[in-house]
Amino acid sequence: MELEDYFNSLNEAINTLDEAFDEIQRDFSPQINQLTSDNFNFITNGKYDNVKVDNEYNINVLDKESGSLKEWGFLSAGTIDQAYISLRLAVASILSKKSNPFPLFFDDVFVQFDDERTNQGLDCILGLTSKDKEKVQVILFSCHERLPIWGKNKTDVSISRI
């Protein structure tokens, strides 16, 4: 009888956790999809404007040209990176609204980007991190020489070379 009670208690705990997860996902998913879509639309210059993020954080995008939903694995490596930067910024935006803004760290996130994609990605990060009253610190590590050129005319950007 004691083991049966223990087993029932565990099942009840699992059910409660599942319900809590489902509730969080219902509240969180629409926000995450919208913010990721907005970011991705900006970074891709409007090529993709509808993103669906599943509960395992896989990304599917609606291709405007073909009208089909594409799984992330069928996108180019650079587009996949753009999608995941968009997702990371969406999550950071949601989390920072619930607390004080926190710094964002990026390590060579533009390694597969051409100059245009890099500029769009940097502009997106800069735009999202300066929306709130409190500025967000972004620390970006990169092996590319082109980043200092991008930041040269930006007043909110400080570039340090190590």
Protein backbone atom coordinates (compact mmCIF):
# COMPACT_ATOMS: atom_id res chain seq x y z
CA MET A 1 0.00 0.00 0.00
CA GLU A 2 2.85 2.40 0.80
CA LEU A 3 4.46 1.90 -2.64
CA GLU A 4 1.10 2.37 -4.34
CA ASP A 5 0.58 5.69 -2.51
CA TYR A 6 4.11 6.75 -3.48
CA PHE A 7 3.45 5.80 -7.11
CA ASN A 8 0.15 7.74 -7.13
CA SER A 9 1.87 10.77 -5.60
CA LEU A 10 4.54 10.69 -8.32
CA ASN A 11 1.90 10.43 -11.04
CA GLU A 12 0.03 13.38 -9.54
CA ALA A 13 3.26 15.41 -9.45
CA ILE A 14 3.99 14.57 -13.10
CA ASN A 15 0.46 15.56 -14.13
CA THR A 16 0.72 18.85 -12.23
CA LEU A 17 4.08 19.65 -13.85
CA ASP A 18 2.71 18.80 -17.30
CA GLU A 19 -0.27 21.11 -16.75
CA ALA A 20 2.00 23.92 -15.54
CA PHE A 21 4.27 23.47 -18.58
CA ASP A 22 1.27 23.53 -20.94
CA GLU A 23 -0.02 26.72 -19.31
CA ILE A 24 3.37 28.44 -19.57
CA GLN A 25 3.67 27.35 -23.17
CA ARG A 26 0.21 28.70 -24.04
CA ASP A 27 1.17 32.08 -22.60
CA PHE A 28 4.77 32.11 -23.84
CA SER A 29 4.45 30.62 -27.36
CA PRO A 30 2.44 33.39 -29.05
CA GLN A 31 4.82 36.03 -27.70
CA ILE A 32 7.92 34.10 -28.69
CA ASN A 33 6.55 33.41 -32.19
CA GLN A 34 5.60 37.06 -32.75
CA LEU A 35 8.87 38.53 -31.49
CA THR A 36 10.95 35.96 -33.36
CA SER A 37 8.95 36.66 -36.52
CA ASP A 38 9.45 40.42 -36.14
CA ASN A 39 13.20 40.02 -35.60
CA PHE A 40 13.58 37.51 -38.43
CA ASN A 41 11.60 39.73 -40.79
CA PHE A 42 13.95 42.62 -40.00
CA ILE A 43 17.16 40.58 -40.27
CA THR A 44 16.13 38.99 -43.58
CA ASN A 45 14.97 42.29 -45.11
CA GLY A 46 11.38 41.04 -45.25
CA LYS A 47 12.05 37.72 -46.98
CA TYR A 48 10.60 35.78 -44.04
CA ASP A 49 7.92 37.28 -41.83
CA ASN A 50 6.21 34.31 -40.25
CA VAL A 51 8.06 32.00 -37.88
CA LYS A 52 6.76 29.15 -35.79
CA VAL A 53 8.85 27.95 -32.86
CA ASP A 54 7.89 24.56 -31.44
CA ASN A 55 8.28 23.42 -27.82
CA GLU A 56 11.78 22.08 -28.56
CA TYR A 57 12.74 25.47 -30.06
CA ASN A 58 12.92 24.17 -33.62
CA ILE A 59 12.09 26.89 -36.09
CA ASN A 60 9.81 26.63 -39.13
CA VAL A 61 9.46 29.58 -41.47
CA LEU A 62 6.88 30.53 -44.06
CA ASP A 63 8.59 31.27 -47.37
CA LYS A 64 6.70 34.17 -49.00
CA GLU A 65 7.82 33.20 -52.50
CA SER A 66 6.63 29.60 -52.41
CA GLY A 67 3.97 29.95 -49.70
CA SER A 68 5.30 26.82 -48.02
CA LEU A 69 6.37 26.22 -44.46
CA LYS A 70 10.03 25.21 -44.32
CA GLU A 71 11.67 23.33 -41.49
CA TRP A 72 14.88 24.94 -40.29
CA GLY A 73 16.97 22.07 -41.71
CA PHE A 74 16.00 23.07 -45.25
CA LEU A 75 17.31 26.61 -44.91
CA SER A 76 20.83 27.79 -45.64
CA ALA A 77 23.29 27.83 -42.75
CA GLY A 78 23.28 31.64 -42.71
CA THR A 79 19.47 31.79 -42.64
CA ILE A 80 19.37 29.25 -39.81
CA ASP A 81 21.79 31.43 -37.85
CA GLN A 82 19.59 34.46 -38.55
CA ALA A 83 16.56 32.56 -37.26
CA TYR A 84 18.26 31.52 -34.05
CA ILE A 85 19.61 35.01 -33.40
CA SER A 86 16.02 36.20 -33.84
CA LEU A 87 14.83 33.60 -31.33
CA ARG A 88 17.57 34.44 -28.81
CA LEU A 89 16.69 38.12 -29.00
CA ALA A 90 12.98 37.33 -28.59
CA VAL A 91 13.61 35.26 -25.46
CA ALA A 92 15.97 37.90 -24.04
CA SER A 93 13.37 40.59 -24.69
CA ILE A 94 10.66 38.66 -22.85
CA LEU A 95 12.90 37.80 -19.92
CA SER A 96 14.27 41.33 -19.56
CA LYS A 97 10.73 42.75 -19.35
CA LYS A 98 10.20 40.70 -16.21
CA SER A 99 13.39 41.96 -14.56
CA ASN A 100 16.10 44.51 -15.08
CA PRO A 101 17.82 44.31 -18.45
CA PHE A 102 20.78 41.98 -18.43
CA PRO A 103 23.79 41.88 -20.74
CA LEU A 104 23.67 39.78 -23.89
CA PHE A 105 26.71 37.80 -24.98
CA PHE A 106 27.26 36.65 -28.56
CA ASP A 107 30.25 34.62 -29.67
CA ASP A 108 30.89 34.79 -33.42
CA VAL A 109 27.20 34.63 -34.30
CA PHE A 110 27.91 36.24 -37.68
CA VAL A 111 30.56 33.77 -38.80
CA GLN A 112 28.40 32.46 -41.68
CA PHE A 113 26.99 35.85 -42.68
CA ASP A 114 27.92 38.00 -45.63
CA ASP A 115 28.29 41.77 -45.08
CA GLU A 116 24.61 42.52 -45.71
CA ARG A 117 23.40 39.84 -43.26
CA THR A 118 25.95 40.98 -40.71
CA ASN A 119 24.78 44.59 -40.93
CA GLN A 120 21.12 43.55 -40.63
CA GLY A 121 21.90 41.33 -37.64
CA LEU A 122 23.88 44.05 -35.88
CA ASP A 123 21.22 46.66 -36.60
CA CYS A 124 18.56 44.32 -35.21
CA ILE A 125 20.54 43.73 -32.02
CA LEU A 126 21.21 47.45 -31.63
CA GLY A 127 17.57 48.34 -32.30
CA LEU A 128 16.17 45.84 -29.83
CA THR A 129 18.64 46.63 -27.10
CA SER A 130 18.01 50.36 -27.20
CA LYS A 131 14.16 50.29 -27.21
CA ASP A 132 13.74 50.32 -23.45
CA LYS A 133 14.54 53.22 -21.16
CA GLU A 134 17.48 51.27 -19.80
CA LYS A 135 20.14 50.39 -22.33
CA VAL A 136 21.18 46.77 -22.65
CA GLN A 137 24.83 45.92 -22.81
CA VAL A 138 25.80 43.64 -25.68
CA ILE A 139 29.14 41.91 -25.70
CA LEU A 140 29.95 40.50 -29.09
CA PHE A 141 33.04 38.43 -29.77
CA SER A 142 34.11 38.08 -33.37
CA CYS A 143 37.07 37.15 -35.50
CA HIS A 144 35.83 39.41 -38.33
CA GLU A 145 37.48 42.71 -39.13
CA ARG A 146 34.26 44.15 -40.60
CA LEU A 147 32.51 44.74 -37.25
CA PRO A 148 34.56 47.83 -36.30
CA ILE A 149 33.64 49.36 -39.68
CA TRP A 150 29.92 48.85 -38.90
CA GLY A 151 30.22 50.45 -35.45
CA LYS A 152 32.29 53.44 -36.56
CA ASN A 153 29.30 55.73 -37.11
CA LYS A 154 27.09 54.41 -34.31
CA THR A 155 26.86 56.59 -31.21
CA ASP A 156 25.66 53.74 -28.96
CA VAL A 157 28.46 51.39 -29.95
CA SER A 158 31.85 51.07 -28.32
CA ILE A 159 34.29 48.67 -29.97
CA SER A 160 37.30 47.25 -28.19
CA ARG A 161 39.90 45.18 -29.97
CA ILE A 162 41.86 42.61 -28.06
